[in-house]
Amino acid sequence: MGSRTENMWQEFKEFALKGSALSLAIGVIIGAAFGKIVDALVNDIIMPIIGIAGKADFSNYFIPLSSAVKATNLADARKQGGVLAYGDFISVLINFAIVAVALFIVIKAINAMNRKPPAPAAPPPPSEEVALLTQIRDLLAKR
């Protein structure tokens, strides 16, 4: 039983230390950190600016799902009963749009860095005069 466990552990170590598994783990960690940055950007910078411009705070937009909900803010309304918090949904959509644009820009930059320079163009074929002179030269060189 011990060798079976050791064998399984060895297989797991080989899998975990492969480049692709390690790269995936690093990507997930960086993605989680990037998500927190985007959340902070949206919640602390973008949403307040949108709120000022539109006199609105999206975080408190909700529709009560029962007549028992009488609160005016989302936190209290959730305590009183079910609510449809569409303001949070709007915030999540803005988060998604920001992440999508940021990833598009990053991938576009990476693709631009990895782009191979175009292969040099083949020289144009020689003109008829040059081809004829080349043939004459080659014939004279054979004599």
C-alpha atoms as a PDB file:
ATOM      1  CA  MET A   1       0.000   0.000   0.000  1.00  0.00           C
ATOM      2  CA  GLY A   2       2.878   2.372   0.803  1.00  0.00           C
ATOM      3  CA  SER A   3       4.510   2.044  -2.627  1.00  0.00           C
ATOM      4  CA  ARG A   4       1.175   2.680  -4.317  1.00  0.00           C
ATOM      5  CA  THR A   5       0.775   5.944  -2.389  1.00  0.00           C
ATOM      6  CA  GLU A   6       4.373   6.926  -3.137  1.00  0.00           C
ATOM      7  CA  ASN A   7       3.840   6.158  -6.823  1.00  0.00           C
ATOM      8  CA  MET A   8       0.691   8.289  -6.907  1.00  0.00           C
ATOM      9  CA  TRP A   9       2.533  11.110  -5.098  1.00  0.00           C
ATOM     10  CA  GLN A  10       5.379  10.900  -7.633  1.00  0.00           C
ATOM     11  CA  GLU A  11       2.914  11.094 -10.535  1.00  0.00           C
ATOM     12  CA  PHE A  12       1.243  14.107  -8.929  1.00  0.00           C
ATOM     13  CA  LYS A  13       4.608  15.871  -8.480  1.00  0.00           C
ATOM     14  CA  GLU A  14       5.482  15.245 -12.126  1.00  0.00           C
ATOM     15  CA  PHE A  15       2.111  16.638 -13.225  1.00  0.00           C
ATOM     16  CA  ALA A  16       2.237  19.673 -10.920  1.00  0.00           C
ATOM     17  CA  LEU A  17       5.740  20.627 -11.960  1.00  0.00           C
ATOM     18  CA  LYS A  18       5.062  20.444 -15.689  1.00  0.00           C
ATOM     19  CA  GLY A  19       5.323  23.817 -17.342  1.00  0.00           C
ATOM     20  CA  SER A  20       1.704  23.984 -18.440  1.00  0.00           C
ATOM     21  CA  ALA A  21       0.245  23.140 -15.007  1.00  0.00           C
ATOM     22  CA  LEU A  22       2.566  25.601 -13.305  1.00  0.00           C
ATOM     23  CA  SER A  23       1.766  28.310 -15.855  1.00  0.00           C
ATOM     24  CA  LEU A  24      -1.944  27.712 -15.334  1.00  0.00           C
ATOM     25  CA  ALA A  25      -1.584  28.041 -11.560  1.00  0.00           C
ATOM     26  CA  ILE A  26       0.360  31.288 -11.929  1.00  0.00           C
ATOM     27  CA  GLY A  27      -2.251  32.578 -14.383  1.00  0.00           C
ATOM     28  CA  VAL A  28      -5.077  31.838 -11.952  1.00  0.00           C
ATOM     29  CA  ILE A  29      -3.277  33.648  -9.121  1.00  0.00           C
ATOM     30  CA  ILE A  30      -2.533  36.671 -11.294  1.00  0.00           C
ATOM     31  CA  GLY A  31      -6.115  36.618 -12.599  1.00  0.00           C
ATOM     32  CA  ALA A  32      -7.505  36.687  -9.060  1.00  0.00           C
ATOM     33  CA  ALA A  33      -5.282  39.646  -8.188  1.00  0.00           C
ATOM     34  CA  PHE A  34      -6.264  41.389 -11.429  1.00  0.00           C
ATOM     35  CA  GLY A  35      -9.931  40.828 -10.565  1.00  0.00           C
ATOM     36  CA  LYS A  36      -9.446  42.587  -7.234  1.00  0.00           C
ATOM     37  CA  ILE A  37      -7.763  45.505  -8.992  1.00  0.00           C
ATOM     38  CA  VAL A  38     -10.644  45.784 -11.450  1.00  0.00           C
ATOM     39  CA  ASP A  39     -13.206  45.576  -8.618  1.00  0.00           C
ATOM     40  CA  ALA A  40     -11.440  48.397  -6.784  1.00  0.00           C
ATOM     41  CA  LEU A  41     -11.215  50.450  -9.983  1.00  0.00           C
ATOM     42  CA  VAL A  42     -14.902  50.017 -10.742  1.00  0.00           C
ATOM     43  CA  ASN A  43     -16.261  50.378  -7.195  1.00  0.00           C
ATOM     44  CA  ASP A  44     -13.969  53.164  -5.987  1.00  0.00           C
ATOM     45  CA  ILE A  45     -13.302  55.231  -9.096  1.00  0.00           C
ATOM     46  CA  ILE A  46     -15.602  54.546 -12.056  1.00  0.00           C
ATOM     47  CA  MET A  47     -18.935  54.004 -10.297  1.00  0.00           C
ATOM     48  CA  PRO A  48     -18.675  57.173  -8.172  1.00  0.00           C
ATOM     49  CA  ILE A  49     -17.899  59.198 -11.312  1.00  0.00           C
ATOM     50  CA  ILE A  50     -20.867  57.633 -13.128  1.00  0.00           C
ATOM     51  CA  GLY A  51     -22.957  58.237 -10.015  1.00  0.00           C
ATOM     52  CA  ILE A  52     -22.045  61.929  -9.970  1.00  0.00           C
ATOM     53  CA  ALA A  53     -22.712  62.320 -13.676  1.00  0.00           C
ATOM     54  CA  GLY A  54     -26.057  60.541 -13.504  1.00  0.00           C
ATOM     55  CA  LYS A  55     -26.956  61.392  -9.897  1.00  0.00           C
ATOM     56  CA  ALA A  56     -27.121  57.658  -9.241  1.00  0.00           C
ATOM     57  CA  ASP A  57     -25.511  55.050  -7.023  1.00  0.00           C
ATOM     58  CA  PHE A  58     -25.874  51.732  -8.826  1.00  0.00           C
ATOM     59  CA  SER A  59     -25.119  49.702  -5.718  1.00  0.00           C
ATOM     60  CA  ASN A  60     -28.500  50.628  -4.205  1.00  0.00           C
ATOM     61  CA  TYR A  61     -30.642  49.943  -7.256  1.00  0.00           C
ATOM     62  CA  PHE A  62     -33.001  47.104  -6.436  1.00  0.00           C
ATOM     63  CA  ILE A  63     -36.571  45.904  -6.826  1.00  0.00           C
ATOM     64  CA  PRO A  64     -38.248  44.412  -3.745  1.00  0.00           C
ATOM     65  CA  LEU A  65     -39.681  40.947  -4.375  1.00  0.00           C
ATOM     66  CA  SER A  66     -42.090  41.094  -1.458  1.00  0.00           C
ATOM     67  CA  SER A  67     -44.254  43.780   0.105  1.00  0.00           C
ATOM     68  CA  ALA A  68     -42.401  43.308   3.410  1.00  0.00           C
ATOM     69  CA  VAL A  69     -39.313  45.093   2.038  1.00  0.00           C
ATOM     70  CA  LYS A  70     -39.550  48.792   2.942  1.00  0.00           C
ATOM     71  CA  ALA A  71     -35.836  49.710   3.141  1.00  0.00           C
ATOM     72  CA  THR A  72     -34.257  52.355   0.947  1.00  0.00           C
ATOM     73  CA  ASN A  73     -30.803  50.813   0.751  1.00  0.00           C
ATOM     74  CA  LEU A  74     -29.824  47.385  -0.533  1.00  0.00           C
ATOM     75  CA  ALA A  75     -28.184  46.070   2.656  1.00  0.00           C
ATOM     76  CA  ASP A  76     -31.281  46.727   4.771  1.00  0.00           C
ATOM     77  CA  ALA A  77     -33.607  45.524   2.016  1.00  0.00           C
ATOM     78  CA  ARG A  78     -31.796  42.174   1.837  1.00  0.00           C
ATOM     79  CA  LYS A  79     -32.327  41.748   5.574  1.00  0.00           C
ATOM     80  CA  GLN A  80     -36.053  42.361   5.173  1.00  0.00           C
ATOM     81  CA  GLY A  81     -36.622  39.928   2.324  1.00  0.00           C
ATOM     82  CA  GLY A  82     -35.863  39.025  -1.254  1.00  0.00           C
ATOM     83  CA  VAL A  83     -34.740  41.733  -3.633  1.00  0.00           C
ATOM     84  CA  LEU A  84     -33.689  41.870  -7.254  1.00  0.00           C
ATOM     85  CA  ALA A  85     -30.395  43.793  -6.996  1.00  0.00           C
ATOM     86  CA  TYR A  86     -29.996  44.948 -10.579  1.00  0.00           C
ATOM     87  CA  GLY A  87     -27.589  47.711  -9.531  1.00  0.00           C
ATOM     88  CA  ASP A  88     -25.063  45.065  -8.528  1.00  0.00           C
ATOM     89  CA  PHE A  89     -25.628  43.419 -11.898  1.00  0.00           C
ATOM     90  CA  ILE A  90     -24.850  46.706 -13.659  1.00  0.00           C
ATOM     91  CA  SER A  91     -21.630  46.970 -11.621  1.00  0.00           C
ATOM     92  CA  VAL A  92     -20.656  43.409 -12.589  1.00  0.00           C
ATOM     93  CA  LEU A  93     -21.325  44.172 -16.257  1.00  0.00           C
ATOM     94  CA  ILE A  94     -19.061  47.221 -16.038  1.00  0.00           C
ATOM     95  CA  ASN A  95     -16.401  45.064 -14.328  1.00  0.00           C
ATOM     96  CA  PHE A  96     -16.677  42.520 -17.137  1.00  0.00           C
ATOM     97  CA  ALA A  97     -16.380  45.188 -19.831  1.00  0.00           C
ATOM     98  CA  ILE A  98     -13.270  46.628 -18.195  1.00  0.00           C
ATOM     99  CA  VAL A  99     -11.663  43.191 -17.840  1.00  0.00           C
ATOM    100  CA  ALA A 100     -12.525  42.317 -21.445  1.00  0.00           C
ATOM    101  CA  VAL A 101     -11.023  45.557 -22.778  1.00  0.00           C
ATOM    102  CA  ALA A 102      -7.917  45.201 -20.589  1.00  0.00           C
ATOM    103  CA  LEU A 103      -7.364  41.598 -21.697  1.00  0.00           C
ATOM    104  CA  PHE A 104      -7.894  42.586 -25.329  1.00  0.00           C
ATOM    105  CA  ILE A 105      -5.226  45.281 -25.010  1.00  0.00           C
ATOM    106  CA  VAL A 106      -2.794  42.920 -23.249  1.00  0.00           C
ATOM    107  CA  ILE A 107      -3.278  40.136 -25.805  1.00  0.00           C
ATOM    108  CA  LYS A 108      -2.974  42.605 -28.677  1.00  0.00           C
ATOM    109  CA  ALA A 109       0.320  43.890 -27.209  1.00  0.00           C
ATOM    110  CA  ILE A 110       1.656  40.354 -26.715  1.00  0.00           C
ATOM    111  CA  ASN A 111       0.708  39.424 -30.282  1.00  0.00           C
ATOM    112  CA  ALA A 112       2.434  42.554 -31.569  1.00  0.00           C
ATOM    113  CA  MET A 113       5.624  41.638 -29.681  1.00  0.00           C
ATOM    114  CA  ASN A 114       5.520  38.057 -30.970  1.00  0.00           C
ATOM    115  CA  ARG A 115       4.754  39.011 -34.544  1.00  0.00           C
ATOM    116  CA  LYS A 116       7.498  37.883 -36.883  1.00  0.00           C
ATOM    117  CA  PRO A 117       8.853  40.469 -39.300  1.00  0.00           C
ATOM    118  CA  PRO A 118       7.659  39.869 -42.833  1.00  0.00           C
ATOM    119  CA  ALA A 119       9.922  37.672 -44.916  1.00  0.00           C
ATOM    120  CA  PRO A 120      11.999  39.628 -47.394  1.00  0.00           C
ATOM    121  CA  ALA A 121      10.306  39.772 -50.748  1.00  0.00           C
ATOM    122  CA  ALA A 122      11.832  37.729 -53.543  1.00  0.00           C
ATOM    123  CA  PRO A 123      13.664  39.889 -56.015  1.00  0.00           C
ATOM    124  CA  PRO A 124      11.666  40.622 -59.150  1.00  0.00           C
ATOM    125  CA  PRO A 125      12.507  38.440 -62.143  1.00  0.00           C
ATOM    126  CA  PRO A 126      15.168  39.944 -64.374  1.00  0.00           C
ATOM    127  CA  SER A 127      14.098  41.839 -67.450  1.00  0.00           C
ATOM    128  CA  GLU A 128      14.330  40.200 -70.858  1.00  0.00           C
ATOM    129  CA  GLU A 129      17.485  42.142 -71.697  1.00  0.00           C
ATOM    130  CA  VAL A 130      19.217  41.043 -68.481  1.00  0.00           C
ATOM    131  CA  ALA A 131      18.174  37.407 -69.047  1.00  0.00           C
ATOM    132  CA  LEU A 132      19.510  37.527 -72.619  1.00  0.00           C
ATOM    133  CA  LEU A 133      22.807  39.080 -71.517  1.00  0.00           C
ATOM    134  CA  THR A 134      23.130  36.434 -68.781  1.00  0.00           C
ATOM    135  CA  GLN A 135      22.657  33.672 -71.353  1.00  0.00           C
ATOM    136  CA  ILE A 136      25.267  35.242 -73.640  1.00  0.00           C
ATOM    137  CA  ARG A 137      27.724  35.536 -70.739  1.00  0.00           C
ATOM    138  CA  ASP A 138      27.187  31.912 -69.755  1.00  0.00           C
ATOM    139  CA  LEU A 139      27.724  30.738 -73.364  1.00  0.00           C
ATOM    140  CA  LEU A 140      30.915  32.772 -73.681  1.00  0.00           C
ATOM    141  CA  ALA A 141      32.170  31.379 -70.349  1.00  0.00           C
ATOM    142  CA  LYS A 142      31.795  27.804 -71.667  1.00  0.00           C
ATOM    143  CA  ARG A 143      34.128  28.439 -74.648  1.00  0.00           C
END
